[in-house]
N, C-alpha and C. Protein backbone atom coordinates (compact mmCIF):
# COMPACT_ATOMS: atom_id res chain seq x y z
N MET A 1 -1.13 -13.71 10.40
CA MET A 1 -0.18 -14.09 9.36
C MET A 1 -0.78 -15.23 8.55
N LEU A 2 -0.75 -15.14 7.23
CA LEU A 2 -1.35 -16.15 6.37
C LEU A 2 -0.31 -17.12 5.85
N ARG A 3 -0.75 -18.32 5.53
CA ARG A 3 0.15 -19.29 4.93
C ARG A 3 0.24 -19.02 3.44
N GLN A 4 1.42 -19.16 2.93
CA GLN A 4 1.62 -18.89 1.51
C GLN A 4 0.94 -19.96 0.69
N ARG A 5 0.19 -19.55 -0.30
CA ARG A 5 -0.58 -20.50 -1.09
C ARG A 5 0.28 -21.25 -2.09
N SER A 6 1.26 -20.58 -2.68
CA SER A 6 1.96 -21.19 -3.80
C SER A 6 3.07 -22.13 -3.40
N ILE A 7 3.79 -21.84 -2.31
CA ILE A 7 4.89 -22.72 -1.96
C ILE A 7 4.80 -23.20 -0.51
N GLY A 8 3.64 -22.97 0.12
CA GLY A 8 3.38 -23.60 1.40
C GLY A 8 4.11 -23.02 2.59
N ARG A 9 4.64 -21.79 2.50
CA ARG A 9 5.29 -21.19 3.65
C ARG A 9 4.56 -19.91 4.02
N LYS A 10 4.76 -19.48 5.25
CA LYS A 10 4.11 -18.25 5.67
C LYS A 10 4.74 -17.07 4.92
N ALA A 11 3.94 -16.04 4.75
CA ALA A 11 4.46 -14.88 4.04
C ALA A 11 4.00 -13.62 4.75
N VAL A 12 4.85 -12.64 4.74
CA VAL A 12 4.50 -11.36 5.36
C VAL A 12 4.78 -10.25 4.37
N LEU A 13 3.78 -9.46 4.09
CA LEU A 13 3.96 -8.34 3.20
C LEU A 13 4.37 -7.16 4.06
N TRP A 14 5.56 -6.62 3.80
CA TRP A 14 6.16 -5.66 4.72
C TRP A 14 6.45 -4.34 4.05
N ALA A 15 6.51 -3.29 4.77
CA ALA A 15 6.98 -2.01 4.28
C ALA A 15 6.26 -1.40 3.12
N ILE A 16 5.04 -1.12 3.22
CA ILE A 16 4.35 -0.46 2.16
C ILE A 16 4.47 1.03 2.39
N ALA A 17 5.25 1.69 1.59
CA ALA A 17 5.41 3.12 1.75
C ALA A 17 4.71 3.80 0.60
N MET A 18 3.63 4.47 0.86
CA MET A 18 2.89 5.09 -0.21
C MET A 18 2.35 6.44 0.17
N ARG A 19 2.29 7.30 -0.80
CA ARG A 19 1.60 8.55 -0.59
C ARG A 19 0.43 8.49 -1.54
N TRP A 20 -0.75 8.36 -0.99
CA TRP A 20 -1.93 8.23 -1.82
C TRP A 20 -2.89 9.33 -1.51
N GLY A 21 -3.70 9.64 -2.42
CA GLY A 21 -4.68 10.64 -2.22
C GLY A 21 -5.86 10.09 -1.51
N MET A 22 -6.67 10.96 -1.01
CA MET A 22 -7.89 10.66 -0.30
C MET A 22 -8.29 9.21 -0.41
N VAL A 23 -7.73 8.37 0.32
CA VAL A 23 -8.07 6.97 0.33
C VAL A 23 -7.33 6.17 -0.70
N LEU A 24 -6.14 6.43 -0.93
CA LEU A 24 -5.41 5.57 -1.83
C LEU A 24 -4.92 4.45 -0.99
N LEU A 25 -4.40 3.51 -1.66
CA LEU A 25 -3.97 2.41 -0.86
C LEU A 25 -2.59 1.96 -1.21
N PRO A 26 -2.14 1.01 -0.46
CA PRO A 26 -0.80 0.54 -0.64
C PRO A 26 -0.69 -0.20 -1.93
N VAL A 27 0.27 0.14 -2.60
CA VAL A 27 0.51 -0.54 -3.84
C VAL A 27 1.49 -1.60 -3.50
N LEU A 28 2.32 -1.92 -4.39
CA LEU A 28 3.23 -3.00 -4.13
C LEU A 28 3.91 -2.77 -2.82
N MET A 29 3.84 -3.76 -1.98
CA MET A 29 4.38 -3.62 -0.66
C MET A 29 5.56 -4.50 -0.46
N ALA A 30 6.02 -4.54 0.75
CA ALA A 30 7.17 -5.36 0.99
C ALA A 30 6.72 -6.73 1.33
N VAL A 31 7.48 -7.70 0.99
CA VAL A 31 7.04 -9.05 1.20
C VAL A 31 8.03 -9.91 1.93
N ALA A 32 7.49 -10.92 2.58
CA ALA A 32 8.40 -11.76 3.32
C ALA A 32 7.96 -13.20 3.33
N LEU A 33 8.86 -14.07 3.00
CA LEU A 33 8.63 -15.50 3.11
C LEU A 33 9.66 -16.03 4.08
N PRO A 34 9.23 -16.70 5.13
CA PRO A 34 10.19 -17.14 6.11
C PRO A 34 11.20 -18.11 5.53
N ALA A 35 12.43 -17.88 5.86
CA ALA A 35 13.49 -18.81 5.47
C ALA A 35 13.60 -19.81 6.59
N GLY A 36 13.16 -21.02 6.35
CA GLY A 36 13.05 -22.01 7.42
C GLY A 36 14.33 -22.28 8.18
N CYS A 37 15.48 -22.21 7.52
CA CYS A 37 16.71 -22.56 8.21
C CYS A 37 17.49 -21.34 8.69
N ALA A 38 16.94 -20.15 8.48
CA ALA A 38 17.68 -18.95 8.87
C ALA A 38 17.69 -18.79 10.38
N ARG A 39 18.73 -18.19 10.89
CA ARG A 39 18.82 -17.93 12.32
C ARG A 39 18.72 -16.43 12.58
N LEU A 40 18.25 -16.10 13.77
CA LEU A 40 18.18 -14.71 14.17
C LEU A 40 19.59 -14.16 14.26
N GLN A 41 19.86 -13.07 13.57
CA GLN A 41 21.20 -12.52 13.54
C GLN A 41 21.46 -11.61 14.74
N THR A 42 22.71 -11.32 14.97
CA THR A 42 23.09 -10.44 16.07
C THR A 42 22.77 -9.00 15.70
N GLY A 43 22.87 -8.11 16.67
CA GLY A 43 22.63 -6.70 16.42
C GLY A 43 23.52 -6.18 15.32
N LEU A 44 24.78 -6.59 15.29
CA LEU A 44 25.70 -6.14 14.26
C LEU A 44 25.24 -6.65 12.90
N GLY A 45 24.74 -7.87 12.88
CA GLY A 45 24.25 -8.42 11.62
C GLY A 45 23.08 -7.62 11.09
N VAL A 46 22.22 -7.16 11.99
CA VAL A 46 21.08 -6.35 11.58
C VAL A 46 21.55 -5.03 10.99
N LEU A 47 22.54 -4.42 11.62
CA LEU A 47 23.04 -3.13 11.16
C LEU A 47 23.70 -3.23 9.80
N THR A 48 24.33 -4.35 9.50
CA THR A 48 25.04 -4.49 8.24
C THR A 48 24.21 -5.20 7.18
N HIS A 49 22.98 -5.55 7.52
CA HIS A 49 22.12 -6.28 6.60
C HIS A 49 21.68 -5.38 5.45
N LEU A 50 21.90 -5.81 4.20
CA LEU A 50 21.50 -5.04 3.03
C LEU A 50 20.67 -5.92 2.10
N PRO A 51 19.40 -5.57 1.87
CA PRO A 51 18.58 -6.37 0.96
C PRO A 51 19.02 -6.18 -0.49
N SER A 52 18.73 -7.16 -1.32
CA SER A 52 19.07 -7.09 -2.73
C SER A 52 18.12 -6.15 -3.46
N GLY A 53 18.67 -5.32 -4.35
CA GLY A 53 17.85 -4.42 -5.14
C GLY A 53 17.44 -5.01 -6.48
N ASP A 54 17.73 -6.27 -6.70
CA ASP A 54 17.40 -6.93 -7.97
C ASP A 54 16.01 -7.54 -7.88
N PRO A 55 15.04 -7.08 -8.70
CA PRO A 55 13.69 -7.65 -8.64
C PRO A 55 13.65 -9.16 -8.85
N ALA A 56 14.68 -9.71 -9.50
CA ALA A 56 14.72 -11.16 -9.71
C ALA A 56 14.86 -11.91 -8.39
N SER A 57 15.24 -11.19 -7.32
CA SER A 57 15.41 -11.84 -6.02
C SER A 57 14.08 -12.07 -5.31
N ILE A 58 12.99 -11.50 -5.82
CA ILE A 58 11.68 -11.68 -5.20
C ILE A 58 11.21 -13.12 -5.38
N ARG A 59 10.80 -13.74 -4.30
CA ARG A 59 10.30 -15.10 -4.37
C ARG A 59 8.80 -15.09 -4.67
N PRO A 60 8.34 -15.98 -5.54
CA PRO A 60 6.91 -16.03 -5.85
C PRO A 60 6.12 -16.53 -4.64
N GLY A 61 4.92 -16.01 -4.47
CA GLY A 61 4.11 -16.49 -3.36
C GLY A 61 2.96 -15.56 -3.03
N HIS A 62 2.31 -15.85 -1.92
CA HIS A 62 1.18 -15.07 -1.41
C HIS A 62 1.69 -14.28 -0.21
N TYR A 63 1.43 -12.98 -0.20
CA TYR A 63 1.96 -12.11 0.84
C TYR A 63 0.87 -11.31 1.53
N VAL A 64 1.11 -10.98 2.78
CA VAL A 64 0.20 -10.12 3.54
C VAL A 64 1.00 -9.02 4.21
N THR A 65 0.32 -7.94 4.55
CA THR A 65 1.02 -6.81 5.16
C THR A 65 1.46 -7.12 6.59
N ASP A 66 2.60 -6.56 6.94
CA ASP A 66 3.07 -6.55 8.31
C ASP A 66 2.57 -5.24 8.91
N PRO A 67 1.67 -5.28 9.90
CA PRO A 67 1.08 -4.05 10.43
C PRO A 67 2.07 -3.09 11.06
N ASP A 68 3.27 -3.56 11.37
CA ASP A 68 4.26 -2.69 11.99
C ASP A 68 5.19 -2.03 10.97
N HIS A 69 5.05 -2.38 9.71
CA HIS A 69 5.98 -1.85 8.71
C HIS A 69 5.24 -1.48 7.42
N ARG A 70 4.26 -0.60 7.55
CA ARG A 70 3.56 -0.10 6.37
C ARG A 70 2.87 1.20 6.75
N PHE A 71 2.70 2.09 5.78
CA PHE A 71 1.93 3.29 6.03
C PHE A 71 1.29 3.78 4.74
N LEU A 72 0.22 4.55 4.89
CA LEU A 72 -0.56 5.04 3.77
C LEU A 72 -0.86 6.52 4.01
N MET A 73 -0.27 7.37 3.20
CA MET A 73 -0.40 8.81 3.38
C MET A 73 -1.09 9.44 2.18
N LEU A 74 -1.62 10.64 2.38
CA LEU A 74 -2.22 11.38 1.29
C LEU A 74 -1.97 12.87 1.49
N GLU A 75 -2.12 13.62 0.40
CA GLU A 75 -1.85 15.06 0.42
C GLU A 75 -2.85 15.77 -0.47
N VAL A 76 -3.36 16.93 -0.02
CA VAL A 76 -4.31 17.69 -0.82
C VAL A 76 -4.11 19.18 -0.54
N ALA A 77 -4.32 20.03 -1.57
CA ALA A 77 -4.17 21.48 -1.41
C ALA A 77 -5.32 22.03 -0.58
N HIS A 78 -5.01 23.04 0.26
CA HIS A 78 -6.02 23.63 1.13
C HIS A 78 -5.96 25.15 1.05
N LEU A 79 -7.03 25.75 0.49
CA LEU A 79 -7.18 27.20 0.40
C LEU A 79 -6.07 27.89 -0.39
N GLY A 80 -5.29 27.12 -1.12
CA GLY A 80 -4.22 27.71 -1.91
C GLY A 80 -3.00 28.11 -1.11
N TYR A 81 -3.02 27.89 0.19
CA TYR A 81 -1.91 28.29 1.05
C TYR A 81 -1.01 27.14 1.47
N ALA A 82 -1.59 25.97 1.59
CA ALA A 82 -0.82 24.87 2.17
C ALA A 82 -1.27 23.53 1.59
N ARG A 83 -0.46 22.52 1.86
CA ARG A 83 -0.80 21.14 1.52
C ARG A 83 -1.10 20.40 2.82
N VAL A 84 -2.29 19.84 2.90
CA VAL A 84 -2.68 19.09 4.10
C VAL A 84 -2.22 17.65 3.95
N LEU A 85 -1.52 17.15 4.96
CA LEU A 85 -1.06 15.76 4.98
C LEU A 85 -1.94 14.94 5.92
N ALA A 86 -2.27 13.75 5.52
CA ALA A 86 -3.09 12.87 6.35
C ALA A 86 -2.67 11.43 6.12
N ARG A 87 -3.24 10.54 6.91
CA ARG A 87 -2.93 9.13 6.76
C ARG A 87 -4.13 8.30 7.21
N PHE A 88 -4.13 7.05 6.79
CA PHE A 88 -5.09 6.08 7.31
C PHE A 88 -4.32 5.18 8.26
N GLU A 89 -4.79 5.12 9.50
CA GLU A 89 -4.07 4.40 10.54
C GLU A 89 -4.22 2.88 10.43
N ARG A 90 -5.33 2.43 9.87
CA ARG A 90 -5.59 0.99 9.85
C ARG A 90 -5.92 0.52 8.43
N PHE A 91 -5.12 -0.39 7.93
CA PHE A 91 -5.39 -1.02 6.65
C PHE A 91 -4.58 -2.30 6.54
N ALA A 92 -4.98 -3.15 5.65
CA ALA A 92 -4.26 -4.41 5.42
C ALA A 92 -4.40 -4.78 3.95
N ALA A 93 -3.44 -5.54 3.47
CA ALA A 93 -3.47 -5.96 2.06
C ALA A 93 -2.86 -7.34 1.93
N GLU A 94 -3.22 -8.00 0.85
CA GLU A 94 -2.60 -9.28 0.51
C GLU A 94 -2.34 -9.30 -0.99
N MET A 95 -1.31 -10.02 -1.37
CA MET A 95 -0.87 -9.97 -2.76
C MET A 95 -0.31 -11.31 -3.21
N ASP A 96 -0.67 -11.71 -4.42
CA ASP A 96 -0.05 -12.85 -5.09
C ASP A 96 0.90 -12.30 -6.14
N LEU A 97 2.17 -12.68 -6.04
CA LEU A 97 3.18 -12.12 -6.94
C LEU A 97 4.19 -13.17 -7.36
N ASP A 98 4.40 -13.27 -8.66
CA ASP A 98 5.42 -14.14 -9.24
C ASP A 98 6.07 -13.35 -10.37
N PRO A 99 7.31 -12.87 -10.17
CA PRO A 99 7.97 -12.06 -11.19
C PRO A 99 8.02 -12.72 -12.56
N ALA A 100 8.06 -14.05 -12.59
CA ALA A 100 8.13 -14.76 -13.87
C ALA A 100 6.77 -14.86 -14.56
N HIS A 101 5.70 -14.59 -13.81
CA HIS A 101 4.34 -14.70 -14.37
C HIS A 101 3.50 -13.50 -13.93
N PRO A 102 3.74 -12.32 -14.49
CA PRO A 102 3.00 -11.13 -14.08
C PRO A 102 1.50 -11.25 -14.31
N GLU A 103 1.09 -12.13 -15.22
CA GLU A 103 -0.34 -12.31 -15.48
C GLU A 103 -1.07 -12.92 -14.29
N ARG A 104 -0.34 -13.49 -13.35
CA ARG A 104 -0.95 -14.08 -12.16
C ARG A 104 -1.03 -13.10 -10.99
N PHE A 105 -0.58 -11.90 -11.21
CA PHE A 105 -0.57 -10.89 -10.14
C PHE A 105 -1.98 -10.56 -9.67
N HIS A 106 -2.13 -10.42 -8.37
CA HIS A 106 -3.41 -9.99 -7.80
C HIS A 106 -3.16 -9.35 -6.45
N LEU A 107 -3.77 -8.21 -6.21
CA LEU A 107 -3.63 -7.51 -4.94
C LEU A 107 -4.98 -6.99 -4.48
N VAL A 108 -5.25 -7.13 -3.20
CA VAL A 108 -6.46 -6.57 -2.59
C VAL A 108 -6.04 -5.85 -1.32
N ALA A 109 -6.47 -4.60 -1.18
CA ALA A 109 -6.19 -3.83 0.04
C ALA A 109 -7.51 -3.34 0.61
N ARG A 110 -7.61 -3.37 1.93
CA ARG A 110 -8.81 -2.91 2.63
C ARG A 110 -8.40 -1.89 3.67
N ILE A 111 -9.05 -0.72 3.60
CA ILE A 111 -8.70 0.40 4.46
C ILE A 111 -9.89 0.72 5.37
N ASP A 112 -9.62 0.91 6.64
CA ASP A 112 -10.64 1.32 7.60
C ASP A 112 -10.89 2.81 7.39
N ALA A 113 -12.02 3.17 6.78
CA ALA A 113 -12.29 4.56 6.44
C ALA A 113 -12.30 5.47 7.67
N ALA A 114 -12.73 4.95 8.80
CA ALA A 114 -12.81 5.76 10.02
C ALA A 114 -11.44 6.04 10.62
N SER A 115 -10.39 5.39 10.10
CA SER A 115 -9.05 5.61 10.65
C SER A 115 -8.34 6.80 10.00
N PHE A 116 -9.05 7.56 9.16
CA PHE A 116 -8.48 8.77 8.55
C PHE A 116 -8.04 9.73 9.64
N SER A 117 -6.84 10.29 9.49
CA SER A 117 -6.32 11.17 10.54
C SER A 117 -5.37 12.23 9.98
N THR A 118 -5.63 13.49 10.37
CA THR A 118 -4.71 14.59 10.10
C THR A 118 -4.09 15.11 11.39
N GLY A 119 -4.63 14.65 12.52
CA GLY A 119 -4.21 15.19 13.80
C GLY A 119 -5.04 16.38 14.22
N VAL A 120 -5.97 16.81 13.35
CA VAL A 120 -6.87 17.94 13.66
C VAL A 120 -8.29 17.38 13.73
N ALA A 121 -8.86 17.36 14.91
CA ALA A 121 -10.15 16.70 15.14
C ALA A 121 -11.25 17.19 14.21
N GLY A 122 -11.35 18.51 14.01
CA GLY A 122 -12.41 19.06 13.17
C GLY A 122 -12.33 18.58 11.74
N ILE A 123 -11.12 18.57 11.18
CA ILE A 123 -10.93 18.10 9.81
C ILE A 123 -11.24 16.61 9.71
N ASP A 124 -10.75 15.85 10.69
CA ASP A 124 -10.96 14.40 10.66
C ASP A 124 -12.45 14.06 10.68
N GLU A 125 -13.21 14.74 11.52
CA GLU A 125 -14.64 14.47 11.62
C GLU A 125 -15.36 14.83 10.32
N ALA A 126 -14.97 15.95 9.71
CA ALA A 126 -15.60 16.39 8.46
C ALA A 126 -15.33 15.39 7.34
N VAL A 127 -14.10 14.90 7.25
CA VAL A 127 -13.76 13.95 6.19
C VAL A 127 -14.46 12.61 6.42
N ARG A 128 -14.57 12.18 7.65
CA ARG A 128 -15.26 10.92 7.93
C ARG A 128 -16.73 11.00 7.53
N ARG A 129 -17.33 12.18 7.75
CA ARG A 129 -18.72 12.36 7.30
C ARG A 129 -18.79 12.30 5.78
N LEU A 130 -17.82 12.94 5.13
CA LEU A 130 -17.76 12.94 3.67
C LEU A 130 -17.63 11.52 3.13
N LEU A 131 -16.83 10.70 3.81
CA LEU A 131 -16.61 9.31 3.38
C LEU A 131 -17.76 8.38 3.77
N LYS A 132 -18.72 8.90 4.56
CA LYS A 132 -19.87 8.10 5.00
C LYS A 132 -19.40 6.80 5.66
N VAL A 133 -18.54 6.96 6.65
CA VAL A 133 -17.88 5.79 7.22
C VAL A 133 -18.84 4.83 7.92
N GLU A 134 -19.97 5.31 8.40
CA GLU A 134 -20.90 4.39 9.06
C GLU A 134 -21.57 3.47 8.05
N ALA A 135 -21.93 4.01 6.89
CA ALA A 135 -22.57 3.19 5.86
C ALA A 135 -21.56 2.42 5.02
N HIS A 136 -20.35 2.98 4.88
CA HIS A 136 -19.30 2.36 4.05
C HIS A 136 -17.99 2.35 4.84
N PRO A 137 -17.86 1.46 5.80
CA PRO A 137 -16.70 1.46 6.70
C PRO A 137 -15.38 1.05 6.05
N VAL A 138 -15.43 0.38 4.90
CA VAL A 138 -14.20 -0.14 4.29
C VAL A 138 -13.99 0.44 2.89
N ILE A 139 -12.80 0.93 2.65
CA ILE A 139 -12.37 1.38 1.33
C ILE A 139 -11.53 0.24 0.74
N THR A 140 -11.77 -0.12 -0.50
CA THR A 140 -11.03 -1.24 -1.08
C THR A 140 -10.32 -0.84 -2.37
N TYR A 141 -9.22 -1.50 -2.61
CA TYR A 141 -8.49 -1.35 -3.87
C TYR A 141 -8.12 -2.75 -4.34
N GLU A 142 -8.46 -3.06 -5.58
CA GLU A 142 -8.15 -4.39 -6.12
C GLU A 142 -7.50 -4.24 -7.48
N ALA A 143 -6.38 -4.92 -7.67
CA ALA A 143 -5.64 -4.84 -8.93
C ALA A 143 -5.24 -6.23 -9.39
N SER A 144 -5.34 -6.46 -10.70
CA SER A 144 -4.93 -7.74 -11.28
C SER A 144 -4.02 -7.54 -12.48
N ARG A 145 -3.49 -6.33 -12.61
CA ARG A 145 -2.60 -6.05 -13.74
C ARG A 145 -1.40 -5.25 -13.28
N ILE A 146 -0.22 -5.72 -13.62
CA ILE A 146 0.99 -4.98 -13.30
C ILE A 146 1.90 -5.03 -14.53
N THR A 147 2.48 -3.87 -14.86
CA THR A 147 3.31 -3.74 -16.05
C THR A 147 4.66 -3.16 -15.67
N ARG A 148 5.71 -3.84 -16.02
CA ARG A 148 7.04 -3.34 -15.69
C ARG A 148 7.36 -2.11 -16.53
N THR A 149 7.90 -1.06 -15.90
CA THR A 149 8.21 0.18 -16.60
C THR A 149 9.69 0.53 -16.56
N GLY A 150 10.48 -0.21 -15.80
CA GLY A 150 11.91 0.06 -15.69
C GLY A 150 12.59 -1.08 -14.97
N ASP A 151 13.88 -0.90 -14.66
CA ASP A 151 14.64 -1.96 -14.00
C ASP A 151 14.02 -2.35 -12.66
N ASN A 152 13.54 -1.36 -11.90
CA ASN A 152 12.95 -1.66 -10.59
C ASN A 152 11.64 -0.91 -10.38
N THR A 153 10.94 -0.60 -11.48
CA THR A 153 9.67 0.11 -11.38
C THR A 153 8.58 -0.61 -12.17
N ALA A 154 7.34 -0.33 -11.80
CA ALA A 154 6.19 -0.94 -12.48
C ALA A 154 4.97 -0.05 -12.30
N ARG A 155 3.96 -0.32 -13.09
CA ARG A 155 2.67 0.37 -12.98
C ARG A 155 1.62 -0.67 -12.64
N MET A 156 0.84 -0.37 -11.60
CA MET A 156 -0.22 -1.26 -11.18
C MET A 156 -1.56 -0.60 -11.50
N ASP A 157 -2.42 -1.30 -12.20
CA ASP A 157 -3.74 -0.78 -12.56
C ASP A 157 -4.81 -1.54 -11.79
N GLY A 158 -5.69 -0.78 -11.13
CA GLY A 158 -6.73 -1.41 -10.35
C GLY A 158 -7.94 -0.51 -10.20
N ARG A 159 -8.87 -0.92 -9.35
CA ARG A 159 -10.08 -0.15 -9.10
C ARG A 159 -10.18 0.15 -7.61
N LEU A 160 -10.45 1.41 -7.34
CA LEU A 160 -10.60 1.89 -5.97
C LEU A 160 -12.08 2.12 -5.70
N THR A 161 -12.58 1.60 -4.59
CA THR A 161 -13.99 1.76 -4.23
C THR A 161 -14.10 2.53 -2.93
N ILE A 162 -14.79 3.68 -2.99
CA ILE A 162 -14.98 4.54 -1.83
C ILE A 162 -16.46 4.87 -1.69
N ALA A 163 -17.02 4.62 -0.53
CA ALA A 163 -18.43 4.94 -0.27
C ALA A 163 -19.35 4.41 -1.36
N GLY A 164 -19.06 3.21 -1.84
CA GLY A 164 -19.92 2.57 -2.82
C GLY A 164 -19.65 2.93 -4.26
N ARG A 165 -18.71 3.85 -4.51
CA ARG A 165 -18.38 4.24 -5.89
C ARG A 165 -16.99 3.73 -6.25
N ALA A 166 -16.88 3.20 -7.48
CA ALA A 166 -15.60 2.64 -7.92
C ALA A 166 -15.09 3.38 -9.15
N ALA A 167 -13.77 3.50 -9.25
CA ALA A 167 -13.14 4.15 -10.40
C ALA A 167 -11.74 3.57 -10.57
N PRO A 168 -11.23 3.55 -11.81
CA PRO A 168 -9.87 3.04 -12.02
C PRO A 168 -8.83 3.97 -11.45
N VAL A 169 -7.82 3.41 -10.82
CA VAL A 169 -6.71 4.18 -10.26
C VAL A 169 -5.42 3.42 -10.53
N ALA A 170 -4.42 4.11 -11.05
CA ALA A 170 -3.12 3.50 -11.32
C ALA A 170 -2.12 3.93 -10.26
N VAL A 171 -1.19 3.06 -9.97
CA VAL A 171 -0.16 3.35 -8.98
C VAL A 171 1.21 3.06 -9.58
N ASP A 172 2.12 4.00 -9.46
CA ASP A 172 3.50 3.80 -9.90
C ASP A 172 4.29 3.21 -8.74
N VAL A 173 4.91 2.07 -8.99
CA VAL A 173 5.55 1.31 -7.92
C VAL A 173 7.06 1.24 -8.11
N THR A 174 7.78 1.34 -7.01
CA THR A 174 9.23 1.18 -7.01
C THR A 174 9.61 0.04 -6.08
N PHE A 175 10.43 -0.87 -6.58
CA PHE A 175 10.92 -1.99 -5.76
C PHE A 175 12.09 -1.49 -4.93
N ASN A 176 12.01 -1.65 -3.61
CA ASN A 176 13.05 -1.16 -2.70
C ASN A 176 14.14 -2.18 -2.41
N GLY A 177 13.77 -3.44 -2.33
CA GLY A 177 14.75 -4.47 -2.02
C GLY A 177 14.11 -5.70 -1.42
N ALA A 178 14.84 -6.81 -1.41
CA ALA A 178 14.32 -8.06 -0.87
C ALA A 178 15.45 -8.90 -0.30
N ALA A 179 15.16 -9.59 0.81
CA ALA A 179 16.14 -10.46 1.46
C ALA A 179 15.47 -11.10 2.67
N PRO A 180 16.04 -12.15 3.23
CA PRO A 180 15.53 -12.68 4.49
C PRO A 180 15.65 -11.62 5.58
N ASN A 181 14.58 -11.42 6.33
CA ASN A 181 14.58 -10.44 7.41
C ASN A 181 15.42 -10.97 8.56
N PRO A 182 16.45 -10.22 9.00
CA PRO A 182 17.32 -10.72 10.06
C PRO A 182 16.62 -10.83 11.41
N LEU A 183 15.48 -10.17 11.58
CA LEU A 183 14.77 -10.22 12.86
C LEU A 183 13.70 -11.31 12.89
N THR A 184 13.00 -11.49 11.77
CA THR A 184 11.89 -12.45 11.74
C THR A 184 12.23 -13.75 11.04
N ARG A 185 13.38 -13.79 10.36
CA ARG A 185 13.80 -14.95 9.58
C ARG A 185 12.87 -15.20 8.39
N ALA A 186 12.13 -14.18 8.00
CA ALA A 186 11.22 -14.30 6.85
C ALA A 186 11.81 -13.57 5.65
N PHE A 187 11.68 -14.16 4.48
CA PHE A 187 12.11 -13.47 3.27
C PHE A 187 11.21 -12.25 3.09
N THR A 188 11.81 -11.08 2.96
CA THR A 188 11.04 -9.84 2.95
C THR A 188 11.40 -8.97 1.77
N ALA A 189 10.41 -8.38 1.16
CA ALA A 189 10.63 -7.45 0.05
C ALA A 189 9.86 -6.17 0.32
N GLY A 190 10.41 -5.04 -0.10
CA GLY A 190 9.76 -3.76 0.16
C GLY A 190 9.47 -3.01 -1.13
N PHE A 191 8.34 -2.30 -1.16
CA PHE A 191 7.95 -1.53 -2.32
C PHE A 191 7.40 -0.18 -1.86
N SER A 192 7.54 0.83 -2.70
CA SER A 192 6.91 2.13 -2.47
C SER A 192 6.02 2.43 -3.66
N GLY A 193 4.94 3.14 -3.44
CA GLY A 193 4.04 3.45 -4.54
C GLY A 193 3.45 4.84 -4.41
N THR A 194 3.18 5.48 -5.54
CA THR A 194 2.53 6.79 -5.55
C THR A 194 1.39 6.78 -6.56
N GLY A 195 0.34 7.52 -6.26
CA GLY A 195 -0.78 7.60 -7.18
C GLY A 195 -1.52 8.91 -7.01
N ARG A 196 -2.36 9.23 -7.97
CA ARG A 196 -3.18 10.44 -7.92
C ARG A 196 -4.61 10.09 -8.30
N LEU A 197 -5.55 10.83 -7.71
CA LEU A 197 -6.94 10.62 -8.09
C LEU A 197 -7.71 11.92 -7.98
N SER A 198 -8.82 11.96 -8.67
CA SER A 198 -9.75 13.09 -8.58
C SER A 198 -10.86 12.68 -7.63
N ARG A 199 -11.00 13.39 -6.53
CA ARG A 199 -12.01 12.98 -5.56
C ARG A 199 -13.42 13.17 -6.10
N SER A 200 -13.59 14.10 -7.05
CA SER A 200 -14.92 14.29 -7.64
C SER A 200 -15.36 13.06 -8.44
N ALA A 201 -14.40 12.24 -8.88
CA ALA A 201 -14.74 11.01 -9.60
C ALA A 201 -15.48 10.03 -8.69
N PHE A 202 -15.36 10.25 -7.38
CA PHE A 202 -16.03 9.39 -6.41
C PHE A 202 -17.21 10.10 -5.76
N GLY A 203 -17.58 11.26 -6.34
CA GLY A 203 -18.72 12.00 -5.81
C GLY A 203 -18.38 12.95 -4.69
N PHE A 204 -17.08 13.20 -4.47
CA PHE A 204 -16.66 14.08 -3.39
C PHE A 204 -16.23 15.44 -3.93
N SER A 205 -17.17 16.22 -4.43
CA SER A 205 -16.84 17.53 -4.99
C SER A 205 -17.01 18.66 -3.98
N ARG A 206 -17.44 18.33 -2.79
CA ARG A 206 -17.64 19.34 -1.76
C ARG A 206 -16.33 20.04 -1.43
N TRP A 207 -16.41 21.36 -1.23
CA TRP A 207 -15.29 22.22 -0.83
C TRP A 207 -14.35 22.58 -1.98
N VAL A 208 -14.59 22.06 -3.18
CA VAL A 208 -13.77 22.46 -4.32
C VAL A 208 -14.19 23.88 -4.72
N PRO A 209 -13.28 24.83 -5.02
CA PRO A 209 -11.83 24.64 -5.12
C PRO A 209 -11.05 24.97 -3.85
N ALA A 210 -11.76 25.35 -2.76
CA ALA A 210 -11.04 25.68 -1.54
C ALA A 210 -10.14 24.53 -1.11
N VAL A 211 -10.66 23.33 -1.27
CA VAL A 211 -9.86 22.13 -1.05
C VAL A 211 -9.70 21.46 -2.41
N GLY A 212 -8.47 21.18 -2.80
CA GLY A 212 -8.20 20.67 -4.14
C GLY A 212 -8.96 19.41 -4.50
N ASP A 213 -9.25 19.27 -5.79
CA ASP A 213 -9.92 18.06 -6.28
C ASP A 213 -8.94 16.91 -6.41
N GLU A 214 -7.70 17.22 -6.78
CA GLU A 214 -6.69 16.17 -6.95
C GLU A 214 -6.06 15.81 -5.62
N VAL A 215 -5.99 14.53 -5.38
CA VAL A 215 -5.36 14.02 -4.17
C VAL A 215 -4.17 13.18 -4.59
N ALA A 216 -3.04 13.36 -3.90
CA ALA A 216 -1.83 12.65 -4.30
C ALA A 216 -1.17 12.00 -3.11
């Protein structure tokens, strides 16, 4: 857990729900700043706890992912018959966010390329070879621009680097809610994000068109 840079409190980036293509990463995630005077609530309090859906409720600060409340999924067409679902089991991100100063926004996410998983050993091994995980063990996404597109939505523009190749990738983000977490006493905000990419843009044209070029 990192200490918050802007206001001196710990922060936890929580709940990153994203469906990304072949190595996409978490976009705006959930965030948490501990409320120093908050108390752990009872079970009933947890059940009735409702975070605010107003983006103005987000506190400015530096945030990091909570490993127990985030996931990164991807989907790609296979042989024209089905959509293959996969995920990256291990990744982390940190973000500087101040709703009043979007120009100060910055996010960096790092994904363990070898943690790619479909649950099918043969597919997993083939994709790890494709990603060259031994030579390039980390997939990164870095963004310094975010543009509001609606009451609780935004577009994040950044660069995704896979196996040494980088390309611009945009992510559409939805703000889910924010409030002090009744279990951790940390102010927490949640975000979901979706994005699409062309894997051939990163040099991964193998198996096209049997396996789709677009990953979502």
